[in-house]
N, C-alpha and C. Protein backbone atom coordinates (compact mmCIF):
# COMPACT_ATOMS: atom_id res chain seq x y z
N MET A 1 -49.12 94.76 -155.58
CA MET A 1 -49.75 95.50 -154.51
C MET A 1 -49.37 96.98 -154.56
N LEU A 2 -48.11 97.22 -154.85
CA LEU A 2 -47.62 98.60 -154.92
C LEU A 2 -48.28 99.37 -156.05
N ILE A 3 -48.53 98.68 -157.15
CA ILE A 3 -49.16 99.33 -158.30
C ILE A 3 -50.60 99.72 -157.97
N LYS A 4 -51.30 98.85 -157.26
CA LYS A 4 -52.68 99.16 -156.89
C LYS A 4 -52.72 100.33 -155.92
N LEU A 5 -51.75 100.41 -155.03
CA LEU A 5 -51.70 101.55 -154.10
C LEU A 5 -51.44 102.86 -154.83
N ILE A 6 -50.57 102.82 -155.84
CA ILE A 6 -50.28 104.03 -156.60
C ILE A 6 -51.53 104.48 -157.37
N ILE A 7 -52.23 103.54 -157.98
CA ILE A 7 -53.45 103.90 -158.72
C ILE A 7 -54.53 104.39 -157.76
N PHE A 8 -54.64 103.77 -156.57
CA PHE A 8 -55.60 104.24 -155.58
C PHE A 8 -55.24 105.63 -155.07
N SER A 9 -53.95 105.93 -155.00
CA SER A 9 -53.50 107.27 -154.61
C SER A 9 -53.91 108.30 -155.66
N ILE A 10 -53.78 107.95 -156.92
CA ILE A 10 -54.22 108.85 -157.99
C ILE A 10 -55.73 109.06 -157.92
N LEU A 11 -56.48 107.99 -157.63
CA LEU A 11 -57.93 108.10 -157.50
C LEU A 11 -58.32 109.03 -156.35
N THR A 12 -57.67 108.90 -155.21
CA THR A 12 -57.99 109.79 -154.09
C THR A 12 -57.59 111.24 -154.38
N SER A 13 -56.55 111.43 -155.18
CA SER A 13 -56.19 112.80 -155.57
C SER A 13 -57.26 113.42 -156.46
N ILE A 14 -57.84 112.62 -157.35
CA ILE A 14 -58.92 113.12 -158.20
C ILE A 14 -60.14 113.45 -157.35
N ILE A 15 -60.46 112.58 -156.41
CA ILE A 15 -61.61 112.83 -155.53
C ILE A 15 -61.37 114.06 -154.66
N PHE A 16 -60.12 114.26 -154.22
CA PHE A 16 -59.78 115.42 -153.39
C PHE A 16 -60.05 116.73 -154.11
N SER A 17 -59.83 116.75 -155.42
CA SER A 17 -60.04 117.99 -156.17
C SER A 17 -61.51 118.30 -156.38
N ILE A 18 -62.38 117.34 -156.18
CA ILE A 18 -63.81 117.55 -156.40
C ILE A 18 -64.51 118.03 -155.13
N LEU A 19 -64.13 117.50 -153.97
CA LEU A 19 -64.84 117.79 -152.73
C LEU A 19 -64.57 119.20 -152.24
N ASN A 20 -65.51 119.72 -151.41
CA ASN A 20 -65.32 121.07 -150.90
C ASN A 20 -65.62 121.23 -149.41
N HIS A 21 -66.11 120.20 -148.74
CA HIS A 21 -66.36 120.30 -147.31
C HIS A 21 -65.10 119.94 -146.53
N PRO A 22 -64.80 120.66 -145.45
CA PRO A 22 -63.56 120.40 -144.72
C PRO A 22 -63.45 119.00 -144.11
N LEU A 23 -64.55 118.44 -143.66
CA LEU A 23 -64.49 117.10 -143.07
C LEU A 23 -64.22 116.03 -144.13
N SER A 24 -64.84 116.16 -145.28
CA SER A 24 -64.58 115.19 -146.34
C SER A 24 -63.16 115.34 -146.89
N LEU A 25 -62.67 116.58 -146.97
CA LEU A 25 -61.29 116.79 -147.39
C LEU A 25 -60.30 116.20 -146.39
N GLY A 26 -60.62 116.32 -145.10
CA GLY A 26 -59.76 115.73 -144.07
C GLY A 26 -59.73 114.21 -144.16
N MET A 27 -60.88 113.61 -144.45
CA MET A 27 -60.93 112.15 -144.58
C MET A 27 -60.12 111.68 -145.79
N ILE A 28 -60.23 112.37 -146.90
CA ILE A 28 -59.45 112.02 -148.08
C ILE A 28 -57.96 112.23 -147.81
N LEU A 29 -57.63 113.28 -147.08
CA LEU A 29 -56.23 113.52 -146.72
C LEU A 29 -55.68 112.43 -145.82
N LEU A 30 -56.51 111.92 -144.91
CA LEU A 30 -56.09 110.81 -144.05
C LEU A 30 -55.87 109.55 -144.87
N ILE A 31 -56.76 109.26 -145.80
CA ILE A 31 -56.59 108.09 -146.67
C ILE A 31 -55.34 108.24 -147.53
N GLN A 32 -55.14 109.43 -148.08
CA GLN A 32 -53.95 109.69 -148.91
C GLN A 32 -52.67 109.53 -148.10
N THR A 33 -52.68 110.00 -146.86
CA THR A 33 -51.51 109.85 -146.00
C THR A 33 -51.21 108.39 -145.70
N LEU A 34 -52.24 107.63 -145.45
CA LEU A 34 -52.05 106.20 -145.19
C LEU A 34 -51.49 105.49 -146.42
N ILE A 35 -51.99 105.84 -147.59
CA ILE A 35 -51.50 105.22 -148.83
C ILE A 35 -50.04 105.58 -149.08
N ILE A 36 -49.70 106.85 -148.91
CA ILE A 36 -48.32 107.28 -149.14
C ILE A 36 -47.38 106.65 -148.12
N ALA A 37 -47.83 106.50 -146.87
CA ALA A 37 -47.00 105.83 -145.87
C ALA A 37 -46.77 104.37 -146.23
N LEU A 38 -47.80 103.70 -146.74
CA LEU A 38 -47.63 102.32 -147.17
C LEU A 38 -46.69 102.21 -148.36
N ILE A 39 -46.81 103.13 -149.31
CA ILE A 39 -45.95 103.09 -150.49
C ILE A 39 -44.49 103.33 -150.11
N THR A 40 -44.23 104.32 -149.25
CA THR A 40 -42.84 104.59 -148.85
C THR A 40 -42.28 103.46 -148.01
N GLY A 41 -43.11 102.83 -147.20
CA GLY A 41 -42.64 101.69 -146.43
C GLY A 41 -42.28 100.50 -147.29
N MET A 42 -43.08 100.27 -148.33
CA MET A 42 -42.81 99.14 -149.22
C MET A 42 -41.58 99.38 -150.10
N THR A 43 -41.36 100.62 -150.50
CA THR A 43 -40.22 100.88 -151.38
C THR A 43 -38.91 100.98 -150.62
N ASN A 44 -38.95 101.40 -149.36
CA ASN A 44 -37.71 101.55 -148.60
C ASN A 44 -37.30 100.29 -147.86
N ASN A 45 -38.16 99.28 -147.80
CA ASN A 45 -37.91 98.07 -147.02
C ASN A 45 -37.71 98.38 -145.55
N ASN A 46 -38.13 99.54 -145.12
CA ASN A 46 -38.01 99.96 -143.74
C ASN A 46 -39.18 100.90 -143.46
N PHE A 47 -40.00 100.55 -142.49
CA PHE A 47 -41.22 101.31 -142.26
C PHE A 47 -41.06 102.45 -141.26
N TRP A 48 -39.85 102.70 -140.76
CA TRP A 48 -39.70 103.75 -139.75
C TRP A 48 -40.02 105.13 -140.32
N TYR A 49 -39.55 105.41 -141.50
CA TYR A 49 -39.82 106.71 -142.11
C TYR A 49 -41.31 106.88 -142.36
N SER A 50 -41.98 105.82 -142.80
CA SER A 50 -43.41 105.93 -143.06
C SER A 50 -44.20 106.06 -141.76
N TYR A 51 -43.74 105.43 -140.66
CA TYR A 51 -44.40 105.62 -139.37
C TYR A 51 -44.31 107.08 -138.93
N ILE A 52 -43.13 107.66 -139.06
CA ILE A 52 -42.93 109.06 -138.66
C ILE A 52 -43.79 109.97 -139.53
N LEU A 53 -43.80 109.73 -140.83
CA LEU A 53 -44.62 110.53 -141.75
C LEU A 53 -46.10 110.44 -141.39
N PHE A 54 -46.57 109.25 -141.12
CA PHE A 54 -47.98 109.07 -140.79
C PHE A 54 -48.33 109.75 -139.47
N LEU A 55 -47.48 109.62 -138.46
CA LEU A 55 -47.78 110.25 -137.17
C LEU A 55 -47.77 111.77 -137.26
N ILE A 56 -46.84 112.33 -138.02
CA ILE A 56 -46.80 113.79 -138.18
C ILE A 56 -48.05 114.28 -138.92
N MET A 57 -48.45 113.59 -139.97
CA MET A 57 -49.62 114.02 -140.72
C MET A 57 -50.90 113.85 -139.92
N VAL A 58 -51.01 112.79 -139.13
CA VAL A 58 -52.21 112.60 -138.31
C VAL A 58 -52.25 113.65 -137.20
N GLY A 59 -51.10 114.02 -136.65
CA GLY A 59 -51.08 115.09 -135.65
C GLY A 59 -51.51 116.42 -136.23
N GLY A 60 -51.06 116.73 -137.43
CA GLY A 60 -51.49 117.96 -138.09
C GLY A 60 -52.97 117.94 -138.43
N MET A 61 -53.46 116.78 -138.84
CA MET A 61 -54.88 116.67 -139.15
C MET A 61 -55.73 116.77 -137.90
N LEU A 62 -55.22 116.32 -136.77
CA LEU A 62 -55.94 116.46 -135.51
C LEU A 62 -56.11 117.93 -135.15
N ILE A 63 -55.06 118.71 -135.36
CA ILE A 63 -55.13 120.15 -135.11
C ILE A 63 -56.13 120.80 -136.07
N LEU A 64 -56.11 120.41 -137.35
CA LEU A 64 -57.08 120.94 -138.31
C LEU A 64 -58.51 120.57 -137.94
N PHE A 65 -58.71 119.36 -137.49
CA PHE A 65 -60.04 118.92 -137.11
C PHE A 65 -60.55 119.70 -135.89
N ILE A 66 -59.70 119.92 -134.91
CA ILE A 66 -60.10 120.70 -133.73
C ILE A 66 -60.42 122.13 -134.14
N TYR A 67 -59.63 122.70 -135.02
CA TYR A 67 -59.89 124.06 -135.48
C TYR A 67 -61.22 124.15 -136.22
N MET A 68 -61.47 123.18 -137.11
CA MET A 68 -62.71 123.22 -137.88
C MET A 68 -63.93 123.01 -137.00
N THR A 69 -63.84 122.16 -135.98
CA THR A 69 -64.99 121.97 -135.11
C THR A 69 -65.22 123.16 -134.20
N SER A 70 -64.18 123.92 -133.90
CA SER A 70 -64.39 125.08 -133.04
C SER A 70 -64.87 126.29 -133.84
N VAL A 71 -64.50 126.41 -135.09
CA VAL A 71 -64.89 127.58 -135.88
C VAL A 71 -66.18 127.33 -136.66
N ALA A 72 -66.26 126.22 -137.35
CA ALA A 72 -67.42 125.96 -138.22
C ALA A 72 -68.11 124.67 -137.81
N SER A 73 -68.57 124.61 -136.58
CA SER A 73 -69.15 123.36 -136.10
C SER A 73 -70.57 123.14 -136.58
N ASN A 74 -71.29 124.18 -136.94
CA ASN A 74 -72.69 124.03 -137.32
C ASN A 74 -72.90 123.96 -138.83
N GLU A 75 -71.82 123.87 -139.59
CA GLU A 75 -71.97 123.81 -141.05
C GLU A 75 -72.48 122.43 -141.45
N LYS A 76 -73.49 122.41 -142.31
CA LYS A 76 -74.08 121.14 -142.72
C LYS A 76 -73.22 120.47 -143.77
N PHE A 77 -73.23 119.16 -143.72
CA PHE A 77 -72.46 118.34 -144.66
C PHE A 77 -73.39 117.90 -145.77
N LYS A 78 -73.20 118.44 -146.99
CA LYS A 78 -74.05 118.12 -148.13
C LYS A 78 -73.20 117.53 -149.25
N PHE A 79 -73.78 116.55 -149.91
CA PHE A 79 -73.14 116.00 -151.10
C PHE A 79 -73.74 116.65 -152.33
N ASN A 80 -72.88 117.01 -153.25
CA ASN A 80 -73.34 117.46 -154.55
C ASN A 80 -73.62 116.22 -155.39
N PHE A 81 -74.80 116.13 -155.94
CA PHE A 81 -75.21 114.93 -156.67
C PHE A 81 -74.32 114.66 -157.88
N TYR A 82 -73.96 115.70 -158.61
CA TYR A 82 -73.14 115.53 -159.81
C TYR A 82 -71.71 115.11 -159.47
N SER A 83 -71.19 115.65 -158.40
CA SER A 83 -69.84 115.24 -158.01
C SER A 83 -69.84 113.81 -157.49
N LEU A 84 -70.92 113.40 -156.81
CA LEU A 84 -71.02 112.03 -156.34
C LEU A 84 -71.07 111.05 -157.52
N ILE A 85 -71.83 111.38 -158.56
CA ILE A 85 -71.89 110.54 -159.75
C ILE A 85 -70.52 110.48 -160.43
N PHE A 86 -69.83 111.63 -160.48
CA PHE A 86 -68.50 111.67 -161.10
C PHE A 86 -67.52 110.80 -160.32
N ILE A 87 -67.56 110.87 -159.00
CA ILE A 87 -66.67 110.06 -158.15
C ILE A 87 -66.95 108.57 -158.36
N ILE A 88 -68.21 108.20 -158.42
CA ILE A 88 -68.56 106.79 -158.61
C ILE A 88 -68.12 106.29 -159.98
N THR A 89 -68.31 107.09 -161.03
CA THR A 89 -67.89 106.63 -162.36
C THR A 89 -66.38 106.53 -162.47
N ILE A 90 -65.66 107.49 -161.92
CA ILE A 90 -64.19 107.41 -161.96
C ILE A 90 -63.70 106.19 -161.17
N SER A 91 -64.30 105.94 -160.02
CA SER A 91 -63.90 104.79 -159.20
C SER A 91 -64.16 103.48 -159.91
N THR A 92 -65.33 103.33 -160.52
CA THR A 92 -65.62 102.08 -161.22
C THR A 92 -64.73 101.90 -162.44
N MET A 93 -64.42 102.99 -163.15
CA MET A 93 -63.52 102.87 -164.29
C MET A 93 -62.14 102.42 -163.85
N ILE A 94 -61.63 102.97 -162.79
CA ILE A 94 -60.28 102.59 -162.33
C ILE A 94 -60.28 101.17 -161.80
N ILE A 95 -61.34 100.77 -161.09
CA ILE A 95 -61.41 99.39 -160.61
C ILE A 95 -61.50 98.41 -161.77
N LEU A 96 -62.26 98.75 -162.80
CA LEU A 96 -62.33 97.89 -163.99
C LEU A 96 -60.99 97.80 -164.69
N ILE A 97 -60.29 98.91 -164.79
CA ILE A 97 -58.96 98.89 -165.40
C ILE A 97 -58.02 98.02 -164.59
N LEU A 98 -58.11 98.12 -163.28
CA LEU A 98 -57.26 97.27 -162.43
C LEU A 98 -57.58 95.79 -162.61
N LEU A 99 -58.86 95.47 -162.71
CA LEU A 99 -59.24 94.06 -162.85
C LEU A 99 -58.91 93.50 -164.22
N LEU A 100 -59.10 94.30 -165.27
CA LEU A 100 -58.91 93.79 -166.62
C LEU A 100 -57.43 93.74 -167.03
N PHE A 101 -56.68 94.76 -166.65
CA PHE A 101 -55.30 94.85 -167.10
C PHE A 101 -54.30 94.66 -165.97
N ASP A 102 -54.66 93.81 -165.02
CA ASP A 102 -53.81 93.63 -163.84
C ASP A 102 -52.44 93.06 -164.21
N ASN A 103 -52.40 92.02 -165.02
CA ASN A 103 -51.11 91.41 -165.38
C ASN A 103 -50.26 92.34 -166.23
N PHE A 104 -50.88 93.00 -167.19
CA PHE A 104 -50.13 93.90 -168.06
C PHE A 104 -49.55 95.08 -167.28
N LEU A 105 -50.38 95.68 -166.43
CA LEU A 105 -49.90 96.81 -165.62
C LEU A 105 -48.81 96.39 -164.65
N SER A 106 -48.99 95.23 -164.04
CA SER A 106 -47.99 94.80 -163.06
C SER A 106 -46.65 94.50 -163.73
N GLN A 107 -46.66 93.90 -164.92
CA GLN A 107 -45.41 93.60 -165.60
C GLN A 107 -44.69 94.86 -166.05
N THR A 108 -45.42 95.79 -166.66
CA THR A 108 -44.76 97.01 -167.14
C THR A 108 -44.30 97.90 -166.01
N LEU A 109 -45.11 98.05 -164.98
CA LEU A 109 -44.70 98.89 -163.86
C LEU A 109 -43.59 98.25 -163.04
N ASN A 110 -43.56 96.91 -162.96
CA ASN A 110 -42.46 96.25 -162.28
C ASN A 110 -41.14 96.48 -163.02
N LEU A 111 -41.19 96.45 -164.36
CA LEU A 111 -39.98 96.76 -165.13
C LEU A 111 -39.53 98.20 -164.89
N MET A 112 -40.49 99.13 -164.85
CA MET A 112 -40.13 100.52 -164.60
C MET A 112 -39.55 100.70 -163.20
N LEU A 113 -40.14 100.03 -162.21
CA LEU A 113 -39.62 100.13 -160.84
C LEU A 113 -38.24 99.52 -160.71
N LYS A 114 -38.00 98.41 -161.43
CA LYS A 114 -36.66 97.81 -161.38
C LYS A 114 -35.62 98.75 -161.98
N LYS A 115 -35.97 99.44 -163.07
CA LYS A 115 -35.04 100.43 -163.64
C LYS A 115 -34.80 101.57 -162.67
N PHE A 116 -35.85 101.99 -161.99
CA PHE A 116 -35.72 103.07 -161.00
C PHE A 116 -34.83 102.64 -159.85
N TYR A 117 -35.02 101.41 -159.36
CA TYR A 117 -34.19 100.91 -158.25
C TYR A 117 -32.74 100.75 -158.68
N ASN A 118 -32.53 100.29 -159.90
CA ASN A 118 -31.16 100.13 -160.39
C ASN A 118 -30.48 101.49 -160.55
N MET A 119 -31.26 102.51 -160.90
CA MET A 119 -30.68 103.83 -161.05
C MET A 119 -30.21 104.39 -159.71
N PHE A 120 -30.96 104.13 -158.65
CA PHE A 120 -30.62 104.66 -157.33
C PHE A 120 -30.10 103.57 -156.40
N TYR A 121 -29.48 102.56 -156.93
CA TYR A 121 -29.00 101.45 -156.11
C TYR A 121 -27.90 101.90 -155.17
N PHE A 122 -27.02 102.77 -155.62
CA PHE A 122 -25.90 103.17 -154.79
C PHE A 122 -26.29 104.19 -153.73
N ASN A 123 -27.45 104.79 -153.86
CA ASN A 123 -27.92 105.72 -152.85
C ASN A 123 -28.50 104.92 -151.69
N ASN A 124 -27.97 105.12 -150.51
CA ASN A 124 -28.44 104.40 -149.35
C ASN A 124 -29.79 104.94 -148.93
N LEU A 125 -30.79 104.07 -148.81
CA LEU A 125 -32.14 104.51 -148.50
C LEU A 125 -32.44 104.48 -147.00
N SER A 126 -31.48 104.20 -146.17
CA SER A 126 -31.76 104.18 -144.74
C SER A 126 -31.66 105.58 -144.16
N LEU A 127 -32.05 105.71 -142.91
CA LEU A 127 -32.03 107.00 -142.24
C LEU A 127 -30.70 107.28 -141.55
N ASN A 128 -29.72 106.42 -141.71
CA ASN A 128 -28.43 106.62 -141.05
C ASN A 128 -27.69 107.84 -141.58
N LYS A 129 -27.96 108.24 -142.81
CA LYS A 129 -27.26 109.39 -143.36
C LYS A 129 -27.67 110.69 -142.68
N TYR A 130 -28.84 110.71 -142.02
CA TYR A 130 -29.25 111.91 -141.32
C TYR A 130 -28.62 112.01 -139.93
N ILE A 131 -28.14 110.89 -139.42
CA ILE A 131 -27.54 110.88 -138.09
C ILE A 131 -26.01 110.94 -138.17
N ALA A 132 -25.46 110.83 -139.35
CA ALA A 132 -24.01 110.90 -139.52
C ALA A 132 -23.52 112.32 -139.27
N TYR A 133 -22.18 112.50 -139.19
CA TYR A 133 -21.60 113.76 -138.71
C TYR A 133 -22.05 115.03 -139.43
N PRO A 134 -21.96 115.17 -140.73
CA PRO A 134 -22.28 116.51 -141.26
C PRO A 134 -23.76 116.88 -141.08
N ASN A 135 -24.62 115.90 -141.14
CA ASN A 135 -26.05 116.20 -141.10
C ASN A 135 -26.61 116.27 -139.69
N ILE A 136 -25.88 115.76 -138.70
CA ILE A 136 -26.39 115.79 -137.33
C ILE A 136 -26.45 117.22 -136.79
N ILE A 137 -25.59 118.09 -137.30
CA ILE A 137 -25.63 119.49 -136.88
C ILE A 137 -26.94 120.13 -137.34
N LEU A 138 -27.32 119.86 -138.58
CA LEU A 138 -28.59 120.37 -139.09
C LEU A 138 -29.76 119.79 -138.30
N MET A 139 -29.67 118.53 -137.93
CA MET A 139 -30.73 117.90 -137.13
C MET A 139 -30.86 118.57 -135.77
N PHE A 140 -29.73 118.91 -135.13
CA PHE A 140 -29.78 119.60 -133.85
C PHE A 140 -30.37 120.99 -133.99
N PHE A 141 -30.04 121.69 -135.07
CA PHE A 141 -30.62 123.02 -135.29
C PHE A 141 -32.14 122.93 -135.49
N ILE A 142 -32.59 121.91 -136.18
CA ILE A 142 -34.03 121.73 -136.38
C ILE A 142 -34.72 121.43 -135.05
N ILE A 143 -34.10 120.60 -134.22
CA ILE A 143 -34.68 120.28 -132.92
C ILE A 143 -34.75 121.52 -132.03
N ILE A 144 -33.68 122.30 -132.01
CA ILE A 144 -33.67 123.53 -131.20
C ILE A 144 -34.69 124.53 -131.73
N TYR A 145 -34.80 124.65 -133.05
CA TYR A 145 -35.78 125.56 -133.66
C TYR A 145 -37.20 125.16 -133.27
N LEU A 146 -37.50 123.87 -133.33
CA LEU A 146 -38.84 123.41 -132.96
C LEU A 146 -39.13 123.64 -131.48
N LEU A 147 -38.12 123.48 -130.63
CA LEU A 147 -38.29 123.74 -129.21
C LEU A 147 -38.57 125.21 -128.94
N ILE A 148 -37.81 126.09 -129.59
CA ILE A 148 -38.04 127.53 -129.43
C ILE A 148 -39.41 127.93 -129.96
N THR A 149 -39.82 127.34 -131.08
CA THR A 149 -41.15 127.62 -131.63
C THR A 149 -42.25 127.17 -130.69
N LEU A 150 -42.08 126.01 -130.07
CA LEU A 150 -43.06 125.51 -129.12
C LEU A 150 -43.17 126.45 -127.92
N ILE A 151 -42.05 126.90 -127.40
CA ILE A 151 -42.07 127.83 -126.26
C ILE A 151 -42.70 129.15 -126.66
N ALA A 152 -42.41 129.66 -127.86
CA ALA A 152 -42.99 130.92 -128.31
C ALA A 152 -44.50 130.81 -128.48
N VAL A 153 -44.98 129.69 -129.02
CA VAL A 153 -46.42 129.52 -129.20
C VAL A 153 -47.13 129.44 -127.84
N VAL A 154 -46.52 128.78 -126.88
CA VAL A 154 -47.12 128.70 -125.55
C VAL A 154 -47.16 130.08 -124.90
N LYS A 155 -46.12 130.88 -125.08
CA LYS A 155 -46.09 132.22 -124.49
C LYS A 155 -47.04 133.18 -125.20
N ILE A 156 -47.23 133.01 -126.50
CA ILE A 156 -48.10 133.92 -127.26
C ILE A 156 -49.57 133.68 -126.90
N THR A 157 -49.96 132.41 -126.78
CA THR A 157 -51.36 132.12 -126.48
C THR A 157 -51.70 132.57 -125.08
N ASN A 158 -52.84 133.18 -124.95
CA ASN A 158 -53.28 133.70 -123.66
C ASN A 158 -54.45 132.85 -123.19
N LEU A 159 -54.32 132.27 -122.03
CA LEU A 159 -55.36 131.38 -121.53
C LEU A 159 -56.57 132.14 -121.03
N LYS A 160 -56.47 133.42 -120.80
CA LYS A 160 -57.59 134.19 -120.25
C LYS A 160 -58.65 134.49 -121.30
N HIS A 161 -58.32 134.45 -122.57
CA HIS A 161 -59.28 134.79 -123.60
C HIS A 161 -60.17 133.61 -124.00
N GLY A 162 -59.77 132.40 -123.73
CA GLY A 162 -60.61 131.24 -123.99
C GLY A 162 -60.51 130.76 -125.44
N PRO A 163 -61.54 130.05 -125.90
CA PRO A 163 -61.51 129.47 -127.24
C PRO A 163 -61.69 130.52 -128.34
N LEU A 164 -61.50 130.08 -129.56
CA LEU A 164 -61.64 130.99 -130.70
C LEU A 164 -63.08 131.47 -130.88
N ARG A 165 -64.01 130.57 -130.69
CA ARG A 165 -65.42 130.91 -130.90
C ARG A 165 -66.11 130.96 -129.55
N GLN A 166 -66.64 132.08 -129.18
CA GLN A 166 -67.30 132.26 -127.89
C GLN A 166 -68.73 131.72 -127.96
N LYS A 167 -69.17 131.10 -126.90
CA LYS A 167 -70.56 130.63 -126.83
C LYS A 167 -71.45 131.79 -126.42
N CYS A 168 -72.55 131.93 -127.13
CA CYS A 168 -73.48 133.04 -126.83
C CYS A 168 -74.50 132.65 -125.81
C-alpha cells in the first residue's frame, strides 16, 4: 500500500507541473497533502504528526482559495487538450506498471524500506523529543512568535477599507 501511495505521489507531482489554473493546482496540492499525510502516518506508526500536517496544509489552502476567489473570480477554467492527453497517458502507464509489476516492486521496495528502518532504528520517531527539556524552549519561542505575528496581522489590517477587490 505504501509503495502505491509513493508512486501516486510521483504521478500527482508530474500532473502538478503541467497544470496552470489556480483551482486545479489547489486540488492537486490537496491530493498531494493527503497522500503525504498518509505516507507519514504509515511510516511513523503514529498518525498525530500527519493529522497536524494535514490540518496546517488545508488551512493554508483555504486562505489561498479565498484569496483566489476574491482576486480572480471571473477567470475561466480551461483544459489544454495536449496536457490532458499527456496526463491520461502518464496515468495509464503508471497504473499498468503498478498492475504488471506489483509483486516485484513491492518486494524490492520493502527490502529498501527495511534497510532504511534499520538505519534509523535508534532514532526515536515519536514527538516526545520536541516536548523534552532542551527543545521545549524553542517550542515556546515559536508559540510566542506566532502569537505576536497574529496580533500584528490583526493590527495591520484595516477593516474600513473592505475586501481586496471592490465591487463596481
